[in-house]
Amino acid sequence: MTMTLPLVSSATAIAPTAAPSRSNQVTRQHYPNFKIIVLNDDFNTFQHVTESLMEHIPGMTLDRALELTNQIHHEGQAIVWVGPQEQAELYHMQLGMEGLTMAPLEAA
């Protein structure tokens, strides 16, 4: 048994479909910021926490480091920096390597 396929003539050709129009409007999606939270503990000294913050957080002043260290001590935690994920991961790791007790990184 042979099967024959109908021939399509050029008169019955299918018209090309039109591509959807592209919008000239660009939508930018912002990457979320992440916050670094240092937790209070019983083994890091006030001085060590203050010095670690000044050493690893860019632009950290002595006054601001002291404020944050006080907040960590009295409230149990403090957000010490907020910014892009890659930098947050670096600063979080460095503070952890100094022995500070760190909360997990979380989106701000």
PDB file of N, CA and C in Angstrom:
ATOM      1  N   MET A   1       0.845  -1.156   0.000  1.00  0.00           N
ATOM      2  CA  MET A   1       0.000   0.000   0.000  1.00  0.00           C
ATOM      3  C   MET A   1       0.901   1.232   0.000  1.00  0.00           C
ATOM      4  N   THR A   2       0.705   2.069  -0.964  1.00  0.00           N
ATOM      5  CA  THR A   2       1.475   3.297  -1.039  1.00  0.00           C
ATOM      6  C   THR A   2       0.601   4.456  -0.641  1.00  0.00           C
ATOM      7  N   MET A   3       1.243   5.387  -0.020  1.00  0.00           N
ATOM      8  CA  MET A   3       0.513   6.551   0.463  1.00  0.00           C
ATOM      9  C   MET A   3       1.011   7.768  -0.290  1.00  0.00           C
ATOM     10  N   THR A   4       0.124   8.556  -0.761  1.00  0.00           N
ATOM     11  CA  THR A   4       0.529   9.763  -1.474  1.00  0.00           C
ATOM     12  C   THR A   4       0.136  10.974  -0.657  1.00  0.00           C
ATOM     13  N   LEU A   5       1.011  11.916  -0.654  1.00  0.00           N
ATOM     14  CA  LEU A   5       0.766  13.156   0.079  1.00  0.00           C
ATOM     15  C   LEU A   5       0.298  14.217  -0.899  1.00  0.00           C
ATOM     16  N   PRO A   6      -0.656  15.008  -0.495  1.00  0.00           N
ATOM     17  CA  PRO A   6      -1.124  16.054  -1.394  1.00  0.00           C
ATOM     18  C   PRO A   6      -0.034  17.101  -1.594  1.00  0.00           C
ATOM     19  N   LEU A   7       0.047  17.619  -2.785  1.00  0.00           N
ATOM     20  CA  LEU A   7       1.010  18.670  -3.092  1.00  0.00           C
ATOM     21  C   LEU A   7       0.403  20.010  -2.709  1.00  0.00           C
ATOM     22  N   VAL A   8       1.246  20.856  -2.160  1.00  0.00           N
ATOM     23  CA  VAL A   8       0.786  22.181  -1.781  1.00  0.00           C
ATOM     24  C   VAL A   8       1.211  23.136  -2.874  1.00  0.00           C
ATOM     25  N   SER A   9       0.260  23.811  -3.424  1.00  0.00           N
ATOM     26  CA  SER A   9       0.599  24.764  -4.474  1.00  0.00           C
ATOM     27  C   SER A   9       0.988  26.087  -3.834  1.00  0.00           C
ATOM     28  N   SER A  10       1.684  26.902  -4.593  1.00  0.00           N
ATOM     29  CA  SER A  10       2.113  28.195  -4.064  1.00  0.00           C
ATOM     30  C   SER A  10       0.935  29.098  -3.781  1.00  0.00           C
ATOM     31  N   ALA A  11      -0.201  28.836  -4.389  1.00  0.00           N
ATOM     32  CA  ALA A  11      -1.382  29.661  -4.153  1.00  0.00           C
ATOM     33  C   ALA A  11      -1.948  29.422  -2.767  1.00  0.00           C
ATOM     34  N   THR A  12      -1.686  28.265  -2.190  1.00  0.00           N
ATOM     35  CA  THR A  12      -2.225  27.964  -0.864  1.00  0.00           C
ATOM     36  C   THR A  12      -1.150  28.036   0.212  1.00  0.00           C
ATOM     37  N   ALA A  13      -0.066  28.725  -0.066  1.00  0.00           N
ATOM     38  CA  ALA A  13       1.014  28.836   0.916  1.00  0.00           C
ATOM     39  C   ALA A  13       0.527  29.584   2.148  1.00  0.00           C
ATOM     40  N   ILE A  14       1.071  29.209   3.259  1.00  0.00           N
ATOM     41  CA  ILE A  14       0.694  29.824   4.526  1.00  0.00           C
ATOM     42  C   ILE A  14       1.449  31.138   4.677  1.00  0.00           C
ATOM     43  N   ALA A  15       0.718  32.171   5.068  1.00  0.00           N
ATOM     44  CA  ALA A  15       1.335  33.483   5.260  1.00  0.00           C
ATOM     45  C   ALA A  15       2.226  33.448   6.498  1.00  0.00           C
ATOM     46  N   PRO A  16       3.365  34.134   6.460  1.00  0.00           N
ATOM     47  CA  PRO A  16       4.244  34.146   7.644  1.00  0.00           C
ATOM     48  C   PRO A  16       3.553  34.859   8.803  1.00  0.00           C
ATOM     49  N   THR A  17       3.848  34.378   9.997  1.00  0.00           N
ATOM     50  CA  THR A  17       3.270  35.029  11.173  1.00  0.00           C
ATOM     51  C   THR A  17       4.135  36.218  11.558  1.00  0.00           C
ATOM     52  N   ALA A  18       3.494  37.221  12.068  1.00  0.00           N
ATOM     53  CA  ALA A  18       4.208  38.432  12.469  1.00  0.00           C
ATOM     54  C   ALA A  18       4.820  38.216  13.847  1.00  0.00           C
ATOM     55  N   ALA A  19       6.045  38.651  14.002  1.00  0.00           N
ATOM     56  CA  ALA A  19       6.710  38.552  15.307  1.00  0.00           C
ATOM     57  C   ALA A  19       6.071  39.565  16.255  1.00  0.00           C
ATOM     58  N   PRO A  20       5.968  39.209  17.512  1.00  0.00           N
ATOM     59  CA  PRO A  20       5.396  40.175  18.465  1.00  0.00           C
ATOM     60  C   PRO A  20       6.273  41.419  18.546  1.00  0.00           C
ATOM     61  N   SER A  21       5.617  42.539  18.687  1.00  0.00           N
ATOM     62  CA  SER A  21       6.391  43.788  18.743  1.00  0.00           C
ATOM     63  C   SER A  21       7.133  43.874  20.064  1.00  0.00           C
ATOM     64  N   ARG A  22       8.309  44.448  20.011  1.00  0.00           N
ATOM     65  CA  ARG A  22       9.133  44.580  21.218  1.00  0.00           C
ATOM     66  C   ARG A  22       8.926  45.961  21.801  1.00  0.00           C
ATOM     67  N   SER A  23       8.872  46.003  23.068  1.00  0.00           N
ATOM     68  CA  SER A  23       8.722  47.277  23.760  1.00  0.00           C
ATOM     69  C   SER A  23      10.091  47.928  23.909  1.00  0.00           C
ATOM     70  N   ASN A  24      10.134  49.206  23.719  1.00  0.00           N
ATOM     71  CA  ASN A  24      11.393  49.931  23.908  1.00  0.00           C
ATOM     72  C   ASN A  24      11.649  50.228  25.382  1.00  0.00           C
ATOM     73  N   GLN A  25      10.709  49.903  26.218  1.00  0.00           N
ATOM     74  CA  GLN A  25      10.839  50.183  27.639  1.00  0.00           C
ATOM     75  C   GLN A  25      11.661  49.080  28.306  1.00  0.00           C
ATOM     76  N   VAL A  26      12.691  49.474  29.036  1.00  0.00           N
ATOM     77  CA  VAL A  26      13.552  48.523  29.732  1.00  0.00           C
ATOM     78  C   VAL A  26      13.127  48.474  31.187  1.00  0.00           C
ATOM     79  N   THR A  27      12.895  47.267  31.666  1.00  0.00           N
ATOM     80  CA  THR A  27      12.544  47.093  33.069  1.00  0.00           C
ATOM     81  C   THR A  27      13.776  46.601  33.804  1.00  0.00           C
ATOM     82  N   ARG A  28      14.201  47.348  34.773  1.00  0.00           N
ATOM     83  CA  ARG A  28      15.379  46.952  35.545  1.00  0.00           C
ATOM     84  C   ARG A  28      14.938  46.302  36.843  1.00  0.00           C
ATOM     85  N   GLN A  29      15.530  45.165  37.109  1.00  0.00           N
ATOM     86  CA  GLN A  29      15.251  44.502  38.373  1.00  0.00           C
ATOM     87  C   GLN A  29      16.455  44.710  39.275  1.00  0.00           C
ATOM     88  N   HIS A  30      16.191  45.249  40.434  1.00  0.00           N
ATOM     89  CA  HIS A  30      17.274  45.523  41.366  1.00  0.00           C
ATOM     90  C   HIS A  30      17.597  44.261  42.166  1.00  0.00           C
ATOM     91  N   TYR A  31      18.879  44.050  42.378  1.00  0.00           N
ATOM     92  CA  TYR A  31      19.285  42.951  43.231  1.00  0.00           C
ATOM     93  C   TYR A  31      18.984  43.333  44.673  1.00  0.00           C
ATOM     94  N   PRO A  32      18.539  42.374  45.474  1.00  0.00           N
ATOM     95  CA  PRO A  32      18.224  42.730  46.864  1.00  0.00           C
ATOM     96  C   PRO A  32      19.496  42.984  47.660  1.00  0.00           C
ATOM     97  N   ASN A  33      19.393  43.876  48.618  1.00  0.00           N
ATOM     98  CA  ASN A  33      20.491  44.092  49.559  1.00  0.00           C
ATOM     99  C   ASN A  33      20.410  43.027  50.645  1.00  0.00           C
ATOM    100  N   PHE A  34      21.536  42.782  51.273  1.00  0.00           N
ATOM    101  CA  PHE A  34      21.598  41.831  52.369  1.00  0.00           C
ATOM    102  C   PHE A  34      22.109  42.538  53.610  1.00  0.00           C
ATOM    103  N   LYS A  35      21.654  42.069  54.771  1.00  0.00           N
ATOM    104  CA  LYS A  35      22.094  42.692  56.011  1.00  0.00           C
ATOM    105  C   LYS A  35      22.965  41.737  56.814  1.00  0.00           C
ATOM    106  N   ILE A  36      23.981  42.324  57.419  1.00  0.00           N
ATOM    107  CA  ILE A  36      24.904  41.577  58.277  1.00  0.00           C
ATOM    108  C   ILE A  36      24.503  41.865  59.714  1.00  0.00           C
ATOM    109  N   ILE A  37      24.196  40.808  60.447  1.00  0.00           N
ATOM    110  CA  ILE A  37      23.763  40.936  61.838  1.00  0.00           C
ATOM    111  C   ILE A  37      24.770  40.230  62.735  1.00  0.00           C
ATOM    112  N   VAL A  38      25.298  40.976  63.701  1.00  0.00           N
ATOM    113  CA  VAL A  38      26.211  40.402  64.698  1.00  0.00           C
ATOM    114  C   VAL A  38      25.392  40.151  65.967  1.00  0.00           C
ATOM    115  N   LEU A  39      25.576  38.965  66.548  1.00  0.00           N
ATOM    116  CA  LEU A  39      24.848  38.570  67.756  1.00  0.00           C
ATOM    117  C   LEU A  39      25.730  38.700  68.987  1.00  0.00           C
ATOM    118  N   ASN A  40      25.097  38.931  70.116  1.00  0.00           N
ATOM    119  CA  ASN A  40      25.812  38.989  71.387  1.00  0.00           C
ATOM    120  C   ASN A  40      26.244  37.581  71.786  1.00  0.00           C
ATOM    121  N   ASP A  41      27.366  37.497  72.477  1.00  0.00           N
ATOM    122  CA  ASP A  41      27.827  36.220  73.010  1.00  0.00           C
ATOM    123  C   ASP A  41      28.584  36.486  74.305  1.00  0.00           C
ATOM    124  N   ASP A  42      29.007  35.422  74.960  1.00  0.00           N
ATOM    125  CA  ASP A  42      29.680  35.551  76.254  1.00  0.00           C
ATOM    126  C   ASP A  42      31.195  35.469  76.164  1.00  0.00           C
ATOM    127  N   PHE A  43      31.754  35.388  74.970  1.00  0.00           N
ATOM    128  CA  PHE A  43      33.197  35.200  74.901  1.00  0.00           C
ATOM    129  C   PHE A  43      33.942  36.273  74.123  1.00  0.00           C
ATOM    130  N   ASN A  44      33.307  37.110  73.314  1.00  0.00           N
ATOM    131  CA  ASN A  44      34.016  38.197  72.634  1.00  0.00           C
ATOM    132  C   ASN A  44      33.970  39.448  73.489  1.00  0.00           C
ATOM    133  N   THR A  45      35.117  40.089  73.626  1.00  0.00           N
ATOM    134  CA  THR A  45      35.168  41.310  74.429  1.00  0.00           C
ATOM    135  C   THR A  45      34.593  42.476  73.631  1.00  0.00           C
ATOM    136  N   PHE A  46      34.190  43.482  74.365  1.00  0.00           N
ATOM    137  CA  PHE A  46      33.673  44.715  73.782  1.00  0.00           C
ATOM    138  C   PHE A  46      34.710  45.300  72.818  1.00  0.00           C
ATOM    139  N   GLN A  47      35.946  45.336  73.258  1.00  0.00           N
ATOM    140  CA  GLN A  47      37.031  45.896  72.446  1.00  0.00           C
ATOM    141  C   GLN A  47      37.238  45.090  71.160  1.00  0.00           C
ATOM    142  N   HIS A  48      37.199  43.761  71.259  1.00  0.00           N
ATOM    143  CA  HIS A  48      37.406  42.915  70.075  1.00  0.00           C
ATOM    144  C   HIS A  48      36.301  43.133  69.040  1.00  0.00           C
ATOM    145  N   VAL A  49      35.049  43.233  69.491  1.00  0.00           N
ATOM    146  CA  VAL A  49      33.938  43.449  68.567  1.00  0.00           C
ATOM    147  C   VAL A  49      34.103  44.806  67.874  1.00  0.00           C
ATOM    148  N   THR A  50      34.412  45.836  68.640  1.00  0.00           N
ATOM    149  CA  THR A  50      34.596  47.183  68.089  1.00  0.00           C
ATOM    150  C   THR A  50      35.721  47.205  67.060  1.00  0.00           C
ATOM    151  N   GLU A  51      36.848  46.614  67.392  1.00  0.00           N
ATOM    152  CA  GLU A  51      37.998  46.596  66.479  1.00  0.00           C
ATOM    153  C   GLU A  51      37.696  45.774  65.218  1.00  0.00           C
ATOM    154  N   SER A  52      36.993  44.672  65.379  1.00  0.00           N
ATOM    155  CA  SER A  52      36.654  43.830  64.221  1.00  0.00           C
ATOM    156  C   SER A  52      35.730  44.584  63.256  1.00  0.00           C
ATOM    157  N   LEU A  53      34.771  45.302  63.790  1.00  0.00           N
ATOM    158  CA  LEU A  53      33.869  46.086  62.936  1.00  0.00           C
ATOM    159  C   LEU A  53      34.648  47.151  62.164  1.00  0.00           C
ATOM    160  N   MET A  54      35.549  47.846  62.844  1.00  0.00           N
ATOM    161  CA  MET A  54      36.329  48.893  62.172  1.00  0.00           C
ATOM    162  C   MET A  54      37.277  48.312  61.132  1.00  0.00           C
ATOM    163  N   GLU A  55      37.795  47.131  61.386  1.00  0.00           N
ATOM    164  CA  GLU A  55      38.750  46.526  60.470  1.00  0.00           C
ATOM    165  C   GLU A  55      38.087  45.996  59.194  1.00  0.00           C
ATOM    166  N   HIS A  56      36.866  45.445  59.312  1.00  0.00           N
ATOM    167  CA  HIS A  56      36.281  44.733  58.175  1.00  0.00           C
ATOM    168  C   HIS A  56      35.098  45.424  57.495  1.00  0.00           C
ATOM    169  N   ILE A  57      34.492  46.389  58.135  1.00  0.00           N
ATOM    170  CA  ILE A  57      33.363  47.089  57.515  1.00  0.00           C
ATOM    171  C   ILE A  57      33.875  48.434  56.993  1.00  0.00           C
ATOM    172  N   PRO A  58      33.850  48.629  55.667  1.00  0.00           N
ATOM    173  CA  PRO A  58      34.377  49.872  55.089  1.00  0.00           C
ATOM    174  C   PRO A  58      33.653  51.110  55.631  1.00  0.00           C
ATOM    175  N   GLY A  59      34.432  52.124  55.939  1.00  0.00           N
ATOM    176  CA  GLY A  59      33.877  53.389  56.405  1.00  0.00           C
ATOM    177  C   GLY A  59      33.404  53.383  57.843  1.00  0.00           C
ATOM    178  N   MET A  60      33.649  52.305  58.562  1.00  0.00           N
ATOM    179  CA  MET A  60      33.210  52.209  59.953  1.00  0.00           C
ATOM    180  C   MET A  60      34.082  53.089  60.833  1.00  0.00           C
ATOM    181  N   THR A  61      33.454  54.026  61.519  1.00  0.00           N
ATOM    182  CA  THR A  61      34.180  54.919  62.424  1.00  0.00           C
ATOM    183  C   THR A  61      34.192  54.317  63.828  1.00  0.00           C
ATOM    184  N   LEU A  62      35.064  54.841  64.652  1.00  0.00           N
ATOM    185  CA  LEU A  62      35.129  54.379  66.042  1.00  0.00           C
ATOM    186  C   LEU A  62      33.803  54.643  66.750  1.00  0.00           C
ATOM    187  N   ASP A  63      33.240  55.828  66.561  1.00  0.00           N
ATOM    188  CA  ASP A  63      31.972  56.156  67.225  1.00  0.00           C
ATOM    189  C   ASP A  63      30.849  55.210  66.797  1.00  0.00           C
ATOM    190  N   ARG A  64      30.757  54.950  65.506  1.00  0.00           N
ATOM    191  CA  ARG A  64      29.702  54.063  65.008  1.00  0.00           C
ATOM    192  C   ARG A  64      29.934  52.621  65.482  1.00  0.00           C
ATOM    193  N   ALA A  65      31.182  52.171  65.480  1.00  0.00           N
ATOM    194  CA  ALA A  65      31.503  50.824  65.959  1.00  0.00           C
ATOM    195  C   ALA A  65      31.138  50.680  67.443  1.00  0.00           C
ATOM    196  N   LEU A  66      31.400  51.713  68.225  1.00  0.00           N
ATOM    197  CA  LEU A  66      31.041  51.680  69.646  1.00  0.00           C
ATOM    198  C   LEU A  66      29.527  51.637  69.831  1.00  0.00           C
ATOM    199  N   GLU A  67      28.794  52.424  69.044  1.00  0.00           N
ATOM    200  CA  GLU A  67      27.320  52.400  69.106  1.00  0.00           C
ATOM    201  C   GLU A  67      26.790  50.999  68.806  1.00  0.00           C
ATOM    202  N   LEU A  68      27.304  50.417  67.736  1.00  0.00           N
ATOM    203  CA  LEU A  68      26.839  49.084  67.345  1.00  0.00           C
ATOM    204  C   LEU A  68      27.217  48.026  68.375  1.00  0.00           C
ATOM    205  N   THR A  69      28.417  48.140  68.929  1.00  0.00           N
ATOM    206  CA  THR A  69      28.848  47.185  69.955  1.00  0.00           C
ATOM    207  C   THR A  69      27.957  47.295  71.191  1.00  0.00           C
ATOM    208  N   ASN A  70      27.599  48.512  71.557  1.00  0.00           N
ATOM    209  CA  ASN A  70      26.658  48.708  72.673  1.00  0.00           C
ATOM    210  C   ASN A  70      25.308  48.080  72.371  1.00  0.00           C
ATOM    211  N   GLN A  71      24.832  48.276  71.144  1.00  0.00           N
ATOM    212  CA  GLN A  71      23.554  47.700  70.750  1.00  0.00           C
ATOM    213  C   GLN A  71      23.619  46.177  70.786  1.00  0.00           C
ATOM    214  N   ILE A  72      24.696  45.611  70.303  1.00  0.00           N
ATOM    215  CA  ILE A  72      24.870  44.151  70.345  1.00  0.00           C
ATOM    216  C   ILE A  72      24.816  43.668  71.781  1.00  0.00           C
ATOM    217  N   HIS A  73      25.527  44.364  72.658  1.00  0.00           N
ATOM    218  CA  HIS A  73      25.619  43.966  74.062  1.00  0.00           C
ATOM    219  C   HIS A  73      24.272  44.085  74.785  1.00  0.00           C
ATOM    220  N   HIS A  74      23.576  45.197  74.564  1.00  0.00           N
ATOM    221  CA  HIS A  74      22.346  45.456  75.326  1.00  0.00           C
ATOM    222  C   HIS A  74      21.084  44.875  74.690  1.00  0.00           C
ATOM    223  N   GLU A  75      21.031  44.806  73.361  1.00  0.00           N
ATOM    224  CA  GLU A  75      19.827  44.318  72.685  1.00  0.00           C
ATOM    225  C   GLU A  75      19.980  42.896  72.137  1.00  0.00           C
ATOM    226  N   GLY A  76      21.202  42.365  72.176  1.00  0.00           N
ATOM    227  CA  GLY A  76      21.426  40.999  71.725  1.00  0.00           C
ATOM    228  C   GLY A  76      21.854  40.863  70.274  1.00  0.00           C
ATOM    229  N   GLN A  77      21.702  41.931  69.492  1.00  0.00           N
ATOM    230  CA  GLN A  77      22.119  41.895  68.096  1.00  0.00           C
ATOM    231  C   GLN A  77      22.096  43.299  67.520  1.00  0.00           C
ATOM    232  N   ALA A  78      22.778  43.447  66.377  1.00  0.00           N
ATOM    233  CA  ALA A  78      22.757  44.718  65.651  1.00  0.00           C
ATOM    234  C   ALA A  78      23.024  44.452  64.182  1.00  0.00           C
ATOM    235  N   ILE A  79      22.336  45.203  63.342  1.00  0.00           N
ATOM    236  CA  ILE A  79      22.629  45.183  61.907  1.00  0.00           C
ATOM    237  C   ILE A  79      23.816  46.110  61.711  1.00  0.00           C
ATOM    238  N   VAL A  80      24.938  45.556  61.295  1.00  0.00           N
ATOM    239  CA  VAL A  80      26.160  46.351  61.213  1.00  0.00           C
ATOM    240  C   VAL A  80      26.461  46.853  59.807  1.00  0.00           C
ATOM    241  N   TRP A  81      25.789  46.259  58.790  1.00  0.00           N
ATOM    242  CA  TRP A  81      26.025  46.693  57.409  1.00  0.00           C
ATOM    243  C   TRP A  81      24.901  46.168  56.542  1.00  0.00           C
ATOM    244  N   VAL A  82      24.508  46.947  55.524  1.00  0.00           N
ATOM    245  CA  VAL A  82      23.506  46.529  54.543  1.00  0.00           C
ATOM    246  C   VAL A  82      24.034  46.889  53.167  1.00  0.00           C
ATOM    247  N   GLY A  83      23.984  45.939  52.234  1.00  0.00           N
ATOM    248  CA  GLY A  83      24.457  46.218  50.889  1.00  0.00           C
ATOM    249  C   GLY A  83      24.370  45.001  49.997  1.00  0.00           C
ATOM    250  N   PRO A  84      25.030  45.076  48.829  1.00  0.00           N
ATOM    251  CA  PRO A  84      24.968  43.991  47.846  1.00  0.00           C
ATOM    252  C   PRO A  84      25.444  42.645  48.413  1.00  0.00           C
ATOM    253  N   GLN A  85      24.865  41.576  47.874  1.00  0.00           N
ATOM    254  CA  GLN A  85      25.104  40.232  48.410  1.00  0.00           C
ATOM    255  C   GLN A  85      26.576  39.834  48.411  1.00  0.00           C
ATOM    256  N   GLU A  86      27.281  40.081  47.325  1.00  0.00           N
ATOM    257  CA  GLU A  86      28.672  39.627  47.244  1.00  0.00           C
ATOM    258  C   GLU A  86      29.540  40.274  48.326  1.00  0.00           C
ATOM    259  N   GLN A  87      29.373  41.573  48.524  1.00  0.00           N
ATOM    260  CA  GLN A  87      30.131  42.253  49.575  1.00  0.00           C
ATOM    261  C   GLN A  87      29.680  41.773  50.948  1.00  0.00           C
ATOM    262  N   ALA A  88      28.368  41.596  51.111  1.00  0.00           N
ATOM    263  CA  ALA A  88      27.839  41.132  52.398  1.00  0.00           C
ATOM    264  C   ALA A  88      28.432  39.769  52.755  1.00  0.00           C
ATOM    265  N   GLU A  89      28.550  38.884  51.764  1.00  0.00           N
ATOM    266  CA  GLU A  89      29.134  37.566  52.022  1.00  0.00           C
ATOM    267  C   GLU A  89      30.576  37.677  52.486  1.00  0.00           C
ATOM    268  N   LEU A  90      31.333  38.588  51.856  1.00  0.00           N
ATOM    269  CA  LEU A  90      32.730  38.779  52.241  1.00  0.00           C
ATOM    270  C   LEU A  90      32.844  39.304  53.667  1.00  0.00           C
ATOM    271  N   TYR A  91      32.135  40.389  53.989  1.00  0.00           N
ATOM    272  CA  TYR A  91      32.222  40.988  55.328  1.00  0.00           C
ATOM    273  C   TYR A  91      31.711  40.015  56.390  1.00  0.00           C
ATOM    274  N   HIS A  92      30.656  39.285  56.062  1.00  0.00           N
ATOM    275  CA  HIS A  92      30.097  38.294  56.992  1.00  0.00           C
ATOM    276  C   HIS A  92      31.136  37.226  57.311  1.00  0.00           C
ATOM    277  N   MET A  93      31.808  36.734  56.266  1.00  0.00           N
ATOM    278  CA  MET A  93      32.838  35.712  56.449  1.00  0.00           C
ATOM    279  C   MET A  93      33.999  36.259  57.283  1.00  0.00           C
ATOM    280  N   GLN A  94      34.451  37.482  56.979  1.00  0.00           N
ATOM    281  CA  GLN A  94      35.581  38.062  57.701  1.00  0.00           C
ATOM    282  C   GLN A  94      35.256  38.264  59.179  1.00  0.00           C
ATOM    283  N   LEU A  95      34.061  38.761  59.478  1.00  0.00           N
ATOM    284  CA  LEU A  95      33.685  38.946  60.883  1.00  0.00           C
ATOM    285  C   LEU A  95      33.570  37.597  61.593  1.00  0.00           C
ATOM    286  N   GLY A  96      33.052  36.612  60.892  1.00  0.00           N
ATOM    287  CA  GLY A  96      32.971  35.269  61.464  1.00  0.00           C
ATOM    288  C   GLY A  96      34.349  34.692  61.746  1.00  0.00           C
ATOM    289  N   MET A  97      35.302  34.968  60.841  1.00  0.00           N
ATOM    290  CA  MET A  97      36.668  34.476  61.047  1.00  0.00           C
ATOM    291  C   MET A  97      37.344  35.177  62.225  1.00  0.00           C
ATOM    292  N   GLU A  98      36.875  36.362  62.575  1.00  0.00           N
ATOM    293  CA  GLU A  98      37.385  37.061  63.765  1.00  0.00           C
ATOM    294  C   GLU A  98      36.813  36.460  65.049  1.00  0.00           C
ATOM    295  N   GLY A  99      35.856  35.543  64.899  1.00  0.00           N
ATOM    296  CA  GLY A  99      35.271  34.887  66.061  1.00  0.00           C
ATOM    297  C   GLY A  99      33.954  35.497  66.518  1.00  0.00           C
ATOM    298  N   LEU A 100      33.445  36.487  65.786  1.00  0.00           N
ATOM    299  CA  LEU A 100      32.169  37.081  66.181  1.00  0.00           C
ATOM    300  C   LEU A 100      31.041  36.101  65.895  1.00  0.00           C
ATOM    301  N   THR A 101      30.005  36.157  66.688  1.00  0.00           N
ATOM    302  CA  THR A 101      28.847  35.295  66.499  1.00  0.00           C
ATOM    303  C   THR A 101      27.925  35.992  65.508  1.00  0.00           C
ATOM    304  N   MET A 102      27.696  35.335  64.380  1.00  0.00           N
ATOM    305  CA  MET A 102      26.966  35.948  63.282  1.00  0.00           C
ATOM    306  C   MET A 102      25.626  35.266  63.058  1.00  0.00           C
ATOM    307  N   ALA A 103      24.602  36.083  62.769  1.00  0.00           N
ATOM    308  CA  ALA A 103      23.325  35.541  62.293  1.00  0.00           C
ATOM    309  C   ALA A 103      23.506  35.208  60.810  1.00  0.00           C
ATOM    310  N   PRO A 104      22.743  34.301  60.268  1.00  0.00           N
ATOM    311  CA  PRO A 104      22.833  34.030  58.822  1.00  0.00           C
ATOM    312  C   PRO A 104      22.499  35.293  58.025  1.00  0.00           C
ATOM    313  N   LEU A 105      23.124  35.430  56.857  1.00  0.00           N
ATOM    314  CA  LEU A 105      22.793  36.561  55.983  1.00  0.00           C
ATOM    315  C   LEU A 105      21.329  36.476  55.599  1.00  0.00           C
ATOM    316  N   GLU A 106      20.684  37.634  55.527  1.00  0.00           N
ATOM    317  CA  GLU A 106      19.302  37.637  55.073  1.00  0.00           C
ATOM    318  C   GLU A 106      19.039  38.865  54.225  1.00  0.00           C
ATOM    319  N   ALA A 107      18.103  38.727  53.312  1.00  0.00           N
ATOM    320  CA  ALA A 107      17.760  39.855  52.446  1.00  0.00           C
ATOM    321  C   ALA A 107      17.190  40.986  53.292  1.00  0.00           C
ATOM    322  N   ALA A 108      17.567  42.201  52.928  1.00  0.00           N
ATOM    323  CA  ALA A 108      17.114  43.370  53.685  1.00  0.00           C
ATOM    324  C   ALA A 108      15.706  43.752  53.272  1.00  0.00           C
TER     325      ALA A 108
END
